Amino acid sequence: MEKIAMNRQGIIEKINGFLVEEFEVDAEKIVPEGNLRETLALDSLDYIDLVVVIESNFGFKVKPEDFTSISTFQDFYDYVIGRIEQKHTGETVIS
């Protein structure tokens, strides 16, 4: 199996793909400045689903408190990309 390093755009496309599939939202509604919770109509159970999808797609653990600073899709992209970079470098990133 070939391992391919994803660039930022590839990661964003992957995120958008599973958001459309898992949360049945139109891809056109997913814009960087859009509100994640409102656009996806997330309730507390949906956040659990979102955590499971992130962990299974990107291979890192998500803590509930990680979502406190995420309000837009761009925040979400930056969070996932940061965690992927952290995982690959093995460094602890303090924000």
PDB file of N, CA and C in Angstrom:
ATOM      1  N   MET A   1       0.845  -1.180   0.000  1.00  0.00           N
ATOM      2  CA  MET A   1       0.000   0.000   0.000  1.00  0.00           C
ATOM      3  C   MET A   1       0.888   1.239   0.000  1.00  0.00           C
ATOM      4  N   GLU A   2       0.613   2.143  -0.933  1.00  0.00           N
ATOM      5  CA  GLU A   2       1.410   3.348  -1.065  1.00  0.00           C
ATOM      6  C   GLU A   2       0.913   4.423  -0.105  1.00  0.00           C
ATOM      7  N   LYS A   3       1.863   5.060   0.576  1.00  0.00           N
ATOM      8  CA  LYS A   3       1.502   6.121   1.514  1.00  0.00           C
ATOM      9  C   LYS A   3       1.770   7.461   0.837  1.00  0.00           C
ATOM     10  N   ILE A   4       0.755   8.288   0.774  1.00  0.00           N
ATOM     11  CA  ILE A   4       0.876   9.578   0.110  1.00  0.00           C
ATOM     12  C   ILE A   4       0.689  10.689   1.134  1.00  0.00           C
ATOM     13  N   ALA A   5       1.646  11.598   1.195  1.00  0.00           N
ATOM     14  CA  ALA A   5       1.522  12.754   2.088  1.00  0.00           C
ATOM     15  C   ALA A   5       0.532  13.730   1.458  1.00  0.00           C
ATOM     16  N   MET A   6      -0.422  14.159   2.258  1.00  0.00           N
ATOM     17  CA  MET A   6      -1.429  15.077   1.758  1.00  0.00           C
ATOM     18  C   MET A   6      -0.997  16.515   1.985  1.00  0.00           C
ATOM     19  N   ASN A   7      -1.314  17.354   1.019  1.00  0.00           N
ATOM     20  CA  ASN A   7      -1.095  18.775   1.223  1.00  0.00           C
ATOM     21  C   ASN A   7      -2.348  19.367   1.860  1.00  0.00           C
ATOM     22  N   ARG A   8      -2.277  20.639   2.187  1.00  0.00           N
ATOM     23  CA  ARG A   8      -3.417  21.300   2.851  1.00  0.00           C
ATOM     24  C   ARG A   8      -4.702  21.141   2.051  1.00  0.00           C
ATOM     25  N   GLN A   9      -4.626  21.382   0.736  1.00  0.00           N
ATOM     26  CA  GLN A   9      -5.834  21.308  -0.086  1.00  0.00           C
ATOM     27  C   GLN A   9      -6.403  19.891  -0.106  1.00  0.00           C
ATOM     28  N   GLY A  10      -5.526  18.906  -0.153  1.00  0.00           N
ATOM     29  CA  GLY A  10      -5.980  17.512  -0.137  1.00  0.00           C
ATOM     30  C   GLY A  10      -6.684  17.162   1.165  1.00  0.00           C
ATOM     31  N   ILE A  11      -6.159  17.676   2.265  1.00  0.00           N
ATOM     32  CA  ILE A  11      -6.781  17.434   3.572  1.00  0.00           C
ATOM     33  C   ILE A  11      -8.146  18.104   3.632  1.00  0.00           C
ATOM     34  N   ILE A  12      -8.221  19.350   3.162  1.00  0.00           N
ATOM     35  CA  ILE A  12      -9.497  20.073   3.166  1.00  0.00           C
ATOM     36  C   ILE A  12     -10.529  19.349   2.307  1.00  0.00           C
ATOM     37  N   GLU A  13     -10.110  18.874   1.135  1.00  0.00           N
ATOM     38  CA  GLU A  13     -11.030  18.129   0.265  1.00  0.00           C
ATOM     39  C   GLU A  13     -11.516  16.849   0.939  1.00  0.00           C
ATOM     40  N   LYS A  14     -10.617  16.167   1.639  1.00  0.00           N
ATOM     41  CA  LYS A  14     -11.006  14.941   2.351  1.00  0.00           C
ATOM     42  C   LYS A  14     -12.004  15.263   3.465  1.00  0.00           C
ATOM     43  N   ILE A  15     -11.725  16.330   4.222  1.00  0.00           N
ATOM     44  CA  ILE A  15     -12.636  16.748   5.289  1.00  0.00           C
ATOM     45  C   ILE A  15     -14.008  17.066   4.707  1.00  0.00           C
ATOM     46  N   ASN A  16     -14.030  17.894   3.666  1.00  0.00           N
ATOM     47  CA  ASN A  16     -15.309  18.270   3.057  1.00  0.00           C
ATOM     48  C   ASN A  16     -16.054  17.043   2.541  1.00  0.00           C
ATOM     49  N   GLY A  17     -15.331  16.090   1.985  1.00  0.00           N
ATOM     50  CA  GLY A  17     -15.955  14.867   1.475  1.00  0.00           C
ATOM     51  C   GLY A  17     -16.662  14.093   2.567  1.00  0.00           C
ATOM     52  N   PHE A  18     -16.006  13.902   3.711  1.00  0.00           N
ATOM     53  CA  PHE A  18     -16.688  13.140   4.757  1.00  0.00           C
ATOM     54  C   PHE A  18     -17.758  13.958   5.453  1.00  0.00           C
ATOM     55  N   LEU A  19     -17.633  15.284   5.477  1.00  0.00           N
ATOM     56  CA  LEU A  19     -18.705  16.109   6.056  1.00  0.00           C
ATOM     57  C   LEU A  19     -19.969  16.010   5.207  1.00  0.00           C
ATOM     58  N   VAL A  20     -19.807  16.066   3.893  1.00  0.00           N
ATOM     59  CA  VAL A  20     -20.953  15.942   2.988  1.00  0.00           C
ATOM     60  C   VAL A  20     -21.611  14.583   3.158  1.00  0.00           C
ATOM     61  N   GLU A  21     -20.785  13.543   3.228  1.00  0.00           N
ATOM     62  CA  GLU A  21     -21.315  12.180   3.338  1.00  0.00           C
ATOM     63  C   GLU A  21     -21.949  11.908   4.702  1.00  0.00           C
ATOM     64  N   GLU A  22     -21.244  12.231   5.766  1.00  0.00           N
ATOM     65  CA  GLU A  22     -21.709  11.898   7.113  1.00  0.00           C
ATOM     66  C   GLU A  22     -22.852  12.785   7.602  1.00  0.00           C
ATOM     67  N   PHE A  23     -22.825  14.065   7.219  1.00  0.00           N
ATOM     68  CA  PHE A  23     -23.807  15.002   7.761  1.00  0.00           C
ATOM     69  C   PHE A  23     -24.834  15.463   6.727  1.00  0.00           C
ATOM     70  N   GLU A  24     -24.765  14.854   5.541  1.00  0.00           N
ATOM     71  CA  GLU A  24     -25.737  15.099   4.473  1.00  0.00           C
ATOM     72  C   GLU A  24     -25.984  16.584   4.239  1.00  0.00           C
ATOM     73  N   VAL A  25     -24.889  17.307   4.049  1.00  0.00           N
ATOM     74  CA  VAL A  25     -24.960  18.737   3.771  1.00  0.00           C
ATOM     75  C   VAL A  25     -24.435  18.962   2.351  1.00  0.00           C
ATOM     76  N   ASP A  26     -25.004  19.949   1.667  1.00  0.00           N
ATOM     77  CA  ASP A  26     -24.532  20.281   0.328  1.00  0.00           C
ATOM     78  C   ASP A  26     -23.122  20.829   0.392  1.00  0.00           C
ATOM     79  N   ALA A  27     -22.268  20.367  -0.502  1.00  0.00           N
ATOM     80  CA  ALA A  27     -20.869  20.794  -0.522  1.00  0.00           C
ATOM     81  C   ALA A  27     -20.747  22.311  -0.676  1.00  0.00           C
ATOM     82  N   GLU A  28     -21.681  22.926  -1.408  1.00  0.00           N
ATOM     83  CA  GLU A  28     -21.641  24.371  -1.635  1.00  0.00           C
ATOM     84  C   GLU A  28     -21.821  25.166  -0.334  1.00  0.00           C
ATOM     85  N   LYS A  29     -22.420  24.548   0.669  1.00  0.00           N
ATOM     86  CA  LYS A  29     -22.649  25.229   1.948  1.00  0.00           C
ATOM     87  C   LYS A  29     -21.410  25.216   2.842  1.00  0.00           C
ATOM     88  N   ILE A  30     -20.429  24.396   2.479  1.00  0.00           N
ATOM     89  CA  ILE A  30     -19.205  24.303   3.271  1.00  0.00           C
ATOM     90  C   ILE A  30     -18.195  25.306   2.722  1.00  0.00           C
ATOM     91  N   VAL A  31     -18.097  26.438   3.410  1.00  0.00           N
ATOM     92  CA  VAL A  31     -17.166  27.500   3.020  1.00  0.00           C
ATOM     93  C   VAL A  31     -16.294  27.829   4.229  1.00  0.00           C
ATOM     94  N   PRO A  32     -15.026  28.219   4.000  1.00  0.00           N
ATOM     95  CA  PRO A  32     -14.107  28.434   5.121  1.00  0.00           C
ATOM     96  C   PRO A  32     -14.650  29.333   6.225  1.00  0.00           C
ATOM     97  N   GLU A  33     -15.343  30.400   5.878  1.00  0.00           N
ATOM     98  CA  GLU A  33     -15.838  31.332   6.902  1.00  0.00           C
ATOM     99  C   GLU A  33     -17.180  30.917   7.489  1.00  0.00           C
ATOM    100  N   GLY A  34     -17.766  29.819   6.979  1.00  0.00           N
ATOM    101  CA  GLY A  34     -19.056  29.346   7.475  1.00  0.00           C
ATOM    102  C   GLY A  34     -18.979  28.784   8.885  1.00  0.00           C
ATOM    103  N   ASN A  35     -20.082  28.902   9.616  1.00  0.00           N
ATOM    104  CA  ASN A  35     -20.151  28.383  10.981  1.00  0.00           C
ATOM    105  C   ASN A  35     -20.334  26.865  10.926  1.00  0.00           C
ATOM    106  N   LEU A  36     -19.399  26.137  11.503  1.00  0.00           N
ATOM    107  CA  LEU A  36     -19.394  24.673  11.464  1.00  0.00           C
ATOM    108  C   LEU A  36     -20.653  24.087  12.096  1.00  0.00           C
ATOM    109  N   ARG A  37     -20.945  24.514  13.317  1.00  0.00           N
ATOM    110  CA  ARG A  37     -22.077  23.943  14.058  1.00  0.00           C
ATOM    111  C   ARG A  37     -23.411  24.239  13.362  1.00  0.00           C
ATOM    112  N   GLU A  38     -23.598  25.464  12.918  1.00  0.00           N
ATOM    113  CA  GLU A  38     -24.863  25.839  12.288  1.00  0.00           C
ATOM    114  C   GLU A  38     -25.034  25.197  10.911  1.00  0.00           C
ATOM    115  N   THR A  39     -23.977  25.218  10.108  1.00  0.00           N
ATOM    116  CA  THR A  39     -24.058  24.661   8.755  1.00  0.00           C
ATOM    117  C   THR A  39     -24.357  23.167   8.786  1.00  0.00           C
ATOM    118  N   LEU A  40     -23.726  22.457   9.721  1.00  0.00           N
ATOM    119  CA  LEU A  40     -23.919  21.006   9.806  1.00  0.00           C
ATOM    120  C   LEU A  40     -25.068  20.635  10.742  1.00  0.00           C
ATOM    121  N   ALA A  41     -25.688  21.637  11.387  1.00  0.00           N
ATOM    122  CA  ALA A  41     -26.773  21.413  12.354  1.00  0.00           C
ATOM    123  C   ALA A  41     -26.345  20.384  13.404  1.00  0.00           C
ATOM    124  N   LEU A  42     -25.180  20.636  14.011  1.00  0.00           N
ATOM    125  CA  LEU A  42     -24.608  19.691  14.975  1.00  0.00           C
ATOM    126  C   LEU A  42     -25.275  19.786  16.340  1.00  0.00           C
ATOM    127  N   ASP A  43     -25.630  18.618  16.871  1.00  0.00           N
ATOM    128  CA  ASP A  43     -26.034  18.537  18.279  1.00  0.00           C
ATOM    129  C   ASP A  43     -24.945  17.737  18.994  1.00  0.00           C
ATOM    130  N   SER A  44     -25.134  17.458  20.267  1.00  0.00           N
ATOM    131  CA  SER A  44     -24.074  16.797  21.029  1.00  0.00           C
ATOM    132  C   SER A  44     -23.724  15.412  20.476  1.00  0.00           C
ATOM    133  N   LEU A  45     -24.711  14.676  19.993  1.00  0.00           N
ATOM    134  CA  LEU A  45     -24.418  13.356  19.411  1.00  0.00           C
ATOM    135  C   LEU A  45     -23.673  13.484  18.091  1.00  0.00           C
ATOM    136  N   ASP A  46     -23.986  14.533  17.330  1.00  0.00           N
ATOM    137  CA  ASP A  46     -23.277  14.758  16.072  1.00  0.00           C
ATOM    138  C   ASP A  46     -21.801  15.047  16.313  1.00  0.00           C
ATOM    139  N   TYR A  47     -21.494  15.753  17.405  1.00  0.00           N
ATOM    140  CA  TYR A  47     -20.084  16.004  17.725  1.00  0.00           C
ATOM    141  C   TYR A  47     -19.356  14.693  17.973  1.00  0.00           C
ATOM    142  N   ILE A  48     -20.008  13.749  18.610  1.00  0.00           N
ATOM    143  CA  ILE A  48     -19.396  12.436  18.831  1.00  0.00           C
ATOM    144  C   ILE A  48     -19.133  11.761  17.493  1.00  0.00           C
ATOM    145  N   ASP A  49     -20.118  11.824  16.590  1.00  0.00           N
ATOM    146  CA  ASP A  49     -19.922  11.266  15.244  1.00  0.00           C
ATOM    147  C   ASP A  49     -18.755  11.943  14.534  1.00  0.00           C
ATOM    148  N   LEU A  50     -18.674  13.265  14.680  1.00  0.00           N
ATOM    149  CA  LEU A  50     -17.599  14.012  14.040  1.00  0.00           C
ATOM    150  C   LEU A  50     -16.238  13.583  14.588  1.00  0.00           C
ATOM    151  N   VAL A  51     -16.141  13.397  15.882  1.00  0.00           N
ATOM    152  CA  VAL A  51     -14.895  12.938  16.507  1.00  0.00           C
ATOM    153  C   VAL A  51     -14.501  11.566  15.960  1.00  0.00           C
ATOM    154  N   VAL A  52     -15.455  10.657  15.884  1.00  0.00           N
ATOM    155  CA  VAL A  52     -15.179   9.309  15.374  1.00  0.00           C
ATOM    156  C   VAL A  52     -14.686   9.370  13.929  1.00  0.00           C
ATOM    157  N   VAL A  53     -15.334  10.201  13.119  1.00  0.00           N
ATOM    158  CA  VAL A  53     -14.949  10.327  11.711  1.00  0.00           C
ATOM    159  C   VAL A  53     -13.536  10.908  11.586  1.00  0.00           C
ATOM    160  N   ILE A  54     -13.231  11.912  12.381  1.00  0.00           N
ATOM    161  CA  ILE A  54     -11.884  12.509  12.347  1.00  0.00           C
ATOM    162  C   ILE A  54     -10.841  11.466  12.743  1.00  0.00           C
ATOM    163  N   GLU A  55     -11.099  10.785  13.854  1.00  0.00           N
ATOM    164  CA  GLU A  55     -10.129   9.799  14.347  1.00  0.00           C
ATOM    165  C   GLU A  55      -9.917   8.669  13.342  1.00  0.00           C
ATOM    166  N   SER A  56     -10.982   8.201  12.712  1.00  0.00           N
ATOM    167  CA  SER A  56     -10.833   7.089  11.768  1.00  0.00           C
ATOM    168  C   SER A  56     -10.203   7.526  10.450  1.00  0.00           C
ATOM    169  N   ASN A  57     -10.422   8.772  10.040  1.00  0.00           N
ATOM    170  CA  ASN A  57      -9.865   9.254   8.780  1.00  0.00           C
ATOM    171  C   ASN A  57      -8.431   9.759   8.902  1.00  0.00           C
ATOM    172  N   PHE A  58      -8.075  10.289  10.060  1.00  0.00           N
ATOM    173  CA  PHE A  58      -6.771  10.927  10.183  1.00  0.00           C
ATOM    174  C   PHE A  58      -5.861  10.310  11.231  1.00  0.00           C
ATOM    175  N   GLY A  59      -6.358   9.369  12.030  1.00  0.00           N
ATOM    176  CA  GLY A  59      -5.507   8.611  12.932  1.00  0.00           C
ATOM    177  C   GLY A  59      -4.972   9.341  14.141  1.00  0.00           C
ATOM    178  N   PHE A  60      -5.701  10.300  14.671  1.00  0.00           N
ATOM    179  CA  PHE A  60      -5.300  10.919  15.928  1.00  0.00           C
ATOM    180  C   PHE A  60      -6.515  11.054  16.826  1.00  0.00           C
ATOM    181  N   LYS A  61      -6.259  11.123  18.116  1.00  0.00           N
ATOM    182  CA  LYS A  61      -7.338  11.233  19.108  1.00  0.00           C
ATOM    183  C   LYS A  61      -7.773  12.673  19.262  1.00  0.00           C
ATOM    184  N   VAL A  62      -9.059  12.861  19.410  1.00  0.00           N
ATOM    185  CA  VAL A  62      -9.642  14.187  19.591  1.00  0.00           C
ATOM    186  C   VAL A  62     -10.221  14.272  20.994  1.00  0.00           C
ATOM    187  N   LYS A  63      -9.923  15.379  21.668  1.00  0.00           N
ATOM    188  CA  LYS A  63     -10.498  15.610  22.999  1.00  0.00           C
ATOM    189  C   LYS A  63     -11.655  16.598  22.850  1.00  0.00           C
ATOM    190  N   PRO A  64     -12.718  16.417  23.612  1.00  0.00           N
ATOM    191  CA  PRO A  64     -13.872  17.327  23.497  1.00  0.00           C
ATOM    192  C   PRO A  64     -13.485  18.798  23.636  1.00  0.00           C
ATOM    193  N   GLU A  65     -12.523  19.095  24.507  1.00  0.00           N
ATOM    194  CA  GLU A  65     -12.135  20.497  24.698  1.00  0.00           C
ATOM    195  C   GLU A  65     -11.452  21.098  23.470  1.00  0.00           C
ATOM    196  N   ASP A  66     -10.996  20.241  22.542  1.00  0.00           N
ATOM    197  CA  ASP A  66     -10.396  20.745  21.311  1.00  0.00           C
ATOM    198  C   ASP A  66     -11.405  21.562  20.500  1.00  0.00           C
ATOM    199  N   PHE A  67     -12.684  21.281  20.680  1.00  0.00           N
ATOM    200  CA  PHE A  67     -13.712  21.965  19.898  1.00  0.00           C
ATOM    201  C   PHE A  67     -14.076  23.341  20.448  1.00  0.00           C
ATOM    202  N   THR A  68     -13.587  23.703  21.627  1.00  0.00           N
ATOM    203  CA  THR A  68     -13.971  24.981  22.206  1.00  0.00           C
ATOM    204  C   THR A  68     -13.499  26.170  21.371  1.00  0.00           C
ATOM    205  N   SER A  69     -12.395  26.024  20.653  1.00  0.00           N
ATOM    206  CA  SER A  69     -11.878  27.127  19.842  1.00  0.00           C
ATOM    207  C   SER A  69     -12.267  27.019  18.370  1.00  0.00           C
ATOM    208  N   ILE A  70     -13.091  26.040  18.022  1.00  0.00           N
ATOM    209  CA  ILE A  70     -13.489  25.833  16.627  1.00  0.00           C
ATOM    210  C   ILE A  70     -14.893  26.377  16.412  1.00  0.00           C
ATOM    211  N   SER A  71     -15.000  27.386  15.551  1.00  0.00           N
ATOM    212  CA  SER A  71     -16.341  27.872  15.216  1.00  0.00           C
ATOM    213  C   SER A  71     -16.590  27.850  13.715  1.00  0.00           C
ATOM    214  N   THR A  72     -15.556  28.085  12.907  1.00  0.00           N
ATOM    215  CA  THR A  72     -15.743  28.087  11.450  1.00  0.00           C
ATOM    216  C   THR A  72     -15.113  26.831  10.836  1.00  0.00           C
ATOM    217  N   PHE A  73     -15.431  26.611   9.571  1.00  0.00           N
ATOM    218  CA  PHE A  73     -14.804  25.493   8.864  1.00  0.00           C
ATOM    219  C   PHE A  73     -13.294  25.710   8.784  1.00  0.00           C
ATOM    220  N   GLN A  74     -12.851  26.970   8.612  1.00  0.00           N
ATOM    221  CA  GLN A  74     -11.411  27.247   8.561  1.00  0.00           C
ATOM    222  C   GLN A  74     -10.745  26.867   9.876  1.00  0.00           C
ATOM    223  N   ASP A  75     -11.394  27.170  11.000  1.00  0.00           N
ATOM    224  CA  ASP A  75     -10.863  26.749  12.305  1.00  0.00           C
ATOM    225  C   ASP A  75     -10.710  25.232  12.347  1.00  0.00           C
ATOM    226  N   PHE A  76     -11.712  24.545  11.825  1.00  0.00           N
ATOM    227  CA  PHE A  76     -11.715  23.082  11.821  1.00  0.00           C
ATOM    228  C   PHE A  76     -10.584  22.551  10.941  1.00  0.00           C
ATOM    229  N   TYR A  77     -10.434  23.126   9.725  1.00  0.00           N
ATOM    230  CA  TYR A  77      -9.343  22.715   8.838  1.00  0.00           C
ATOM    231  C   TYR A  77      -7.993  22.920   9.519  1.00  0.00           C
ATOM    232  N   ASP A  78      -7.816  24.110  10.118  1.00  0.00           N
ATOM    233  CA  ASP A  78      -6.536  24.422  10.769  1.00  0.00           C
ATOM    234  C   ASP A  78      -6.246  23.455  11.915  1.00  0.00           C
ATOM    235  N   TYR A  79      -7.285  23.111  12.668  1.00  0.00           N
ATOM    236  CA  TYR A  79      -7.127  22.160  13.774  1.00  0.00           C
ATOM    237  C   TYR A  79      -6.657  20.805  13.248  1.00  0.00           C
ATOM    238  N   VAL A  80      -7.360  20.267  12.254  1.00  0.00           N
ATOM    239  CA  VAL A  80      -7.017  18.938  11.721  1.00  0.00           C
ATOM    240  C   VAL A  80      -5.615  18.960  11.112  1.00  0.00           C
ATOM    241  N   ILE A  81      -5.322  19.977  10.308  1.00  0.00           N
ATOM    242  CA  ILE A  81      -4.004  20.070   9.674  1.00  0.00           C
ATOM    243  C   ILE A  81      -2.908  20.178  10.732  1.00  0.00           C
ATOM    244  N   GLY A  82      -3.140  20.993  11.760  1.00  0.00           N
ATOM    245  CA  GLY A  82      -2.167  21.122  12.840  1.00  0.00           C
ATOM    246  C   GLY A  82      -1.921  19.805  13.555  1.00  0.00           C
ATOM    247  N   ARG A  83      -2.983  19.070  13.807  1.00  0.00           N
ATOM    248  CA  ARG A  83      -2.837  17.775  14.491  1.00  0.00           C
ATOM    249  C   ARG A  83      -2.120  16.755  13.599  1.00  0.00           C
ATOM    250  N   ILE A  84      -2.380  16.783  12.299  1.00  0.00           N
ATOM    251  CA  ILE A  84      -1.691  15.874  11.375  1.00  0.00           C
ATOM    252  C   ILE A  84      -0.200  16.206  11.360  1.00  0.00           C
ATOM    253  N   GLU A  85       0.114  17.507  11.263  1.00  0.00           N
ATOM    254  CA  GLU A  85       1.523  17.917  11.261  1.00  0.00           C
ATOM    255  C   GLU A  85       2.203  17.534  12.571  1.00  0.00           C
ATOM    256  N   GLN A  86       1.497  17.713  13.680  1.00  0.00           N
ATOM    257  CA  GLN A  86       2.023  17.353  14.998  1.00  0.00           C
ATOM    258  C   GLN A  86       2.301  15.852  15.062  1.00  0.00           C
ATOM    259  N   LYS A  87       1.380  15.059  14.530  1.00  0.00           N
ATOM    260  CA  LYS A  87       1.530  13.604  14.548  1.00  0.00           C
ATOM    261  C   LYS A  87       2.753  13.174  13.735  1.00  0.00           C
ATOM    262  N   HIS A  88       2.951  13.819  12.594  1.00  0.00           N
ATOM    263  CA  HIS A  88       4.052  13.431  11.718  1.00  0.00           C
ATOM    264  C   HIS A  88       5.416  13.911  12.203  1.00  0.00           C
ATOM    265  N   THR A  89       5.429  15.014  12.961  1.00  0.00           N
ATOM    266  CA  THR A  89       6.717  15.515  13.465  1.00  0.00           C
ATOM    267  C   THR A  89       6.999  15.020  14.870  1.00  0.00           C
ATOM    268  N   GLY A  90       5.941  14.568  15.558  1.00  0.00           N
ATOM    269  CA  GLY A  90       6.093  14.084  16.910  1.00  0.00           C
ATOM    270  C   GLY A  90       6.262  15.194  17.933  1.00  0.00           C
ATOM    271  N   GLU A  91       6.020  16.419  17.498  1.00  0.00           N
ATOM    272  CA  GLU A  91       6.186  17.564  18.390  1.00  0.00           C
ATOM    273  C   GLU A  91       4.878  17.916  19.074  1.00  0.00           C
ATOM    274  N   THR A  92       4.994  18.507  20.223  1.00  0.00           N
ATOM    275  CA  THR A  92       3.822  19.013  20.925  1.00  0.00           C
ATOM    276  C   THR A  92       3.667  20.482  20.567  1.00  0.00           C
ATOM    277  N   VAL A  93       2.502  20.813  20.041  1.00  0.00           N
ATOM    278  CA  VAL A  93       2.238  22.190  19.650  1.00  0.00           C
ATOM    279  C   VAL A  93       1.370  22.815  20.723  1.00  0.00           C
ATOM    280  N   ILE A  94       1.836  23.928  21.277  1.00  0.00           N
ATOM    281  CA  ILE A  94       1.079  24.632  22.305  1.00  0.00           C
ATOM    282  C   ILE A  94       0.461  25.853  21.650  1.00  0.00           C
ATOM    283  N   SER A  95      -0.861  25.953  21.757  1.00  0.00           N
ATOM    284  CA  SER A  95      -1.528  27.112  21.150  1.00  0.00           C
ATOM    285  C   SER A  95      -2.161  27.966  22.208  1.00  0.00           C
TER     286      SER A  95
END
